[in-house]
């Protein structure tokens, strides 16, 4: 995949890379300087950034997925008056 991206974008100016889900974020963070040097990266859809932060890349930011427990703790920390309804609607 690295070689495919390298050939496809060779000589092209990329303004922003958006990486969605773990596999894409792993690829972009691991090979950021080879594939998109100096290009900012925005990620989403991953549960932890710890394993990717070891690559020490700058210009990488994004949004983590939170499980319900983590989301609830975060929400109540900032606003204890929010009600979270996680009921499902069955549309038969």
C-alpha atoms as a PDB file:
ATOM      1  CA  UNK A   1       0.000   0.000   0.000  1.00  0.00           C
ATOM      2  CA  UNK A   2       2.866   2.336   0.805  1.00  0.00           C
ATOM      3  CA  UNK A   3       4.345   1.901  -2.691  1.00  0.00           C
ATOM      4  CA  UNK A   4       0.942   2.396  -4.323  1.00  0.00           C
ATOM      5  CA  UNK A   5       0.448   5.737  -2.547  1.00  0.00           C
ATOM      6  CA  UNK A   6       4.023   6.765  -3.224  1.00  0.00           C
ATOM      7  CA  UNK A   7       3.611   6.194  -6.972  1.00  0.00           C
ATOM      8  CA  UNK A   8       0.094   7.665  -7.149  1.00  0.00           C
ATOM      9  CA  UNK A   9       0.970  10.931  -5.402  1.00  0.00           C
ATOM     10  CA  UNK A  10       4.565  11.350  -6.582  1.00  0.00           C
ATOM     11  CA  UNK A  11       5.173  15.001  -7.399  1.00  0.00           C
ATOM     12  CA  UNK A  12       1.688  16.102  -6.341  1.00  0.00           C
ATOM     13  CA  UNK A  13       1.054  18.696  -3.632  1.00  0.00           C
ATOM     14  CA  UNK A  14      -1.288  17.274  -1.000  1.00  0.00           C
ATOM     15  CA  UNK A  15      -2.849  19.877   1.313  1.00  0.00           C
ATOM     16  CA  UNK A  16      -4.418  17.525   3.869  1.00  0.00           C
ATOM     17  CA  UNK A  17      -4.634  13.793   4.514  1.00  0.00           C
ATOM     18  CA  UNK A  18      -7.759  12.420   6.218  1.00  0.00           C
ATOM     19  CA  UNK A  19      -7.303   8.937   7.688  1.00  0.00           C
ATOM     20  CA  UNK A  20     -10.348   7.001   8.879  1.00  0.00           C
ATOM     21  CA  UNK A  21     -10.063   3.872  11.040  1.00  0.00           C
ATOM     22  CA  UNK A  22      -7.067   2.090  12.513  1.00  0.00           C
ATOM     23  CA  UNK A  23      -5.482   0.661   9.354  1.00  0.00           C
ATOM     24  CA  UNK A  24      -5.409   4.025   7.590  1.00  0.00           C
ATOM     25  CA  UNK A  25      -4.068   5.862  10.632  1.00  0.00           C
ATOM     26  CA  UNK A  26      -1.367   3.219  11.117  1.00  0.00           C
ATOM     27  CA  UNK A  27      -0.257   3.523   7.491  1.00  0.00           C
ATOM     28  CA  UNK A  28      -0.233   7.315   7.483  1.00  0.00           C
ATOM     29  CA  UNK A  29       1.576   7.696  10.818  1.00  0.00           C
ATOM     30  CA  UNK A  30       4.117   4.984  10.079  1.00  0.00           C
ATOM     31  CA  UNK A  31       5.040   6.315   6.633  1.00  0.00           C
ATOM     32  CA  UNK A  32       4.080   9.982   7.027  1.00  0.00           C
ATOM     33  CA  UNK A  33       7.510  11.403   6.197  1.00  0.00           C
ATOM     34  CA  UNK A  34       7.923   9.095   3.182  1.00  0.00           C
ATOM     35  CA  UNK A  35       4.454   9.518   1.701  1.00  0.00           C
ATOM     36  CA  UNK A  36       3.260  12.976   2.717  1.00  0.00           C
ATOM     37  CA  UNK A  37       6.151  14.958   4.203  1.00  0.00           C
ATOM     38  CA  UNK A  38       4.984  18.103   5.956  1.00  0.00           C
ATOM     39  CA  UNK A  39       1.326  17.458   5.122  1.00  0.00           C
ATOM     40  CA  UNK A  40      -1.133  17.744   8.019  1.00  0.00           C
ATOM     41  CA  UNK A  41      -3.093  14.600   8.906  1.00  0.00           C
ATOM     42  CA  UNK A  42      -6.546  14.450  10.503  1.00  0.00           C
ATOM     43  CA  UNK A  43      -7.733  11.085  11.797  1.00  0.00           C
ATOM     44  CA  UNK A  44     -11.017   9.676  13.102  1.00  0.00           C
ATOM     45  CA  UNK A  45     -12.487   6.325  14.001  1.00  0.00           C
ATOM     46  CA  UNK A  46      -9.719   4.914  16.186  1.00  0.00           C
ATOM     47  CA  UNK A  47     -10.018   3.884  19.818  1.00  0.00           C
ATOM     48  CA  UNK A  48      -6.524   4.854  20.978  1.00  0.00           C
ATOM     49  CA  UNK A  49      -3.706   6.972  19.638  1.00  0.00           C
ATOM     50  CA  UNK A  50      -1.038   5.617  22.002  1.00  0.00           C
ATOM     51  CA  UNK A  51       0.363   3.054  19.581  1.00  0.00           C
ATOM     52  CA  UNK A  52       0.563   5.620  16.776  1.00  0.00           C
ATOM     53  CA  UNK A  53       2.015   8.456  18.849  1.00  0.00           C
ATOM     54  CA  UNK A  54       5.218   6.434  19.212  1.00  0.00           C
ATOM     55  CA  UNK A  55       6.062   7.417  15.642  1.00  0.00           C
ATOM     56  CA  UNK A  56       6.453  11.001  16.896  1.00  0.00           C
ATOM     57  CA  UNK A  57       4.972  12.736  13.888  1.00  0.00           C
ATOM     58  CA  UNK A  58       3.950  16.366  14.029  1.00  0.00           C
ATOM     59  CA  UNK A  59       0.939  17.874  12.293  1.00  0.00           C
ATOM     60  CA  UNK A  60      -1.280  14.908  13.196  1.00  0.00           C
ATOM     61  CA  UNK A  61      -4.551  15.432  15.046  1.00  0.00           C
ATOM     62  CA  UNK A  62      -7.968  13.871  15.196  1.00  0.00           C
ATOM     63  CA  UNK A  63     -10.914  12.478  17.069  1.00  0.00           C
ATOM     64  CA  UNK A  64     -10.929   9.235  19.032  1.00  0.00           C
ATOM     65  CA  UNK A  65     -13.867   6.843  19.286  1.00  0.00           C
ATOM     66  CA  UNK A  66     -15.091   6.507  22.829  1.00  0.00           C
ATOM     67  CA  UNK A  67     -16.873   3.508  24.244  1.00  0.00           C
ATOM     68  CA  UNK A  68     -20.078   4.239  26.119  1.00  0.00           C
ATOM     69  CA  UNK A  69     -18.414   4.164  29.547  1.00  0.00           C
ATOM     70  CA  UNK A  70     -15.667   6.582  28.479  1.00  0.00           C
ATOM     71  CA  UNK A  71     -18.198   8.823  26.753  1.00  0.00           C
ATOM     72  CA  UNK A  72     -20.415   8.892  29.822  1.00  0.00           C
ATOM     73  CA  UNK A  73     -17.492   9.784  32.093  1.00  0.00           C
ATOM     74  CA  UNK A  74     -16.386  12.548  29.728  1.00  0.00           C
ATOM     75  CA  UNK A  75     -19.861  14.027  29.354  1.00  0.00           C
ATOM     76  CA  UNK A  76     -20.614  13.989  33.080  1.00  0.00           C
ATOM     77  CA  UNK A  77     -17.261  15.521  33.862  1.00  0.00           C
ATOM     78  CA  UNK A  78     -18.055  18.563  31.752  1.00  0.00           C
ATOM     79  CA  UNK A  79     -21.807  18.761  32.250  1.00  0.00           C
ATOM     80  CA  UNK A  80     -23.497  16.660  34.944  1.00  0.00           C
ATOM     81  CA  UNK A  81     -26.960  17.676  33.724  1.00  0.00           C
ATOM     82  CA  UNK A  82     -26.867  15.848  30.370  1.00  0.00           C
ATOM     83  CA  UNK A  83     -29.074  12.789  29.911  1.00  0.00           C
ATOM     84  CA  UNK A  84     -27.789  10.052  27.617  1.00  0.00           C
ATOM     85  CA  UNK A  85     -30.391   7.773  26.062  1.00  0.00           C
ATOM     86  CA  UNK A  86     -28.888   4.698  24.460  1.00  0.00           C
ATOM     87  CA  UNK A  87     -32.115   2.869  23.813  1.00  0.00           C
ATOM     88  CA  UNK A  88     -32.532   1.360  20.380  1.00  0.00           C
ATOM     89  CA  UNK A  89     -35.504   1.625  18.085  1.00  0.00           C
ATOM     90  CA  UNK A  90     -36.516  -1.577  16.367  1.00  0.00           C
ATOM     91  CA  UNK A  91     -38.002  -0.797  12.981  1.00  0.00           C
ATOM     92  CA  UNK A  92     -39.554  -4.094  11.966  1.00  0.00           C
END
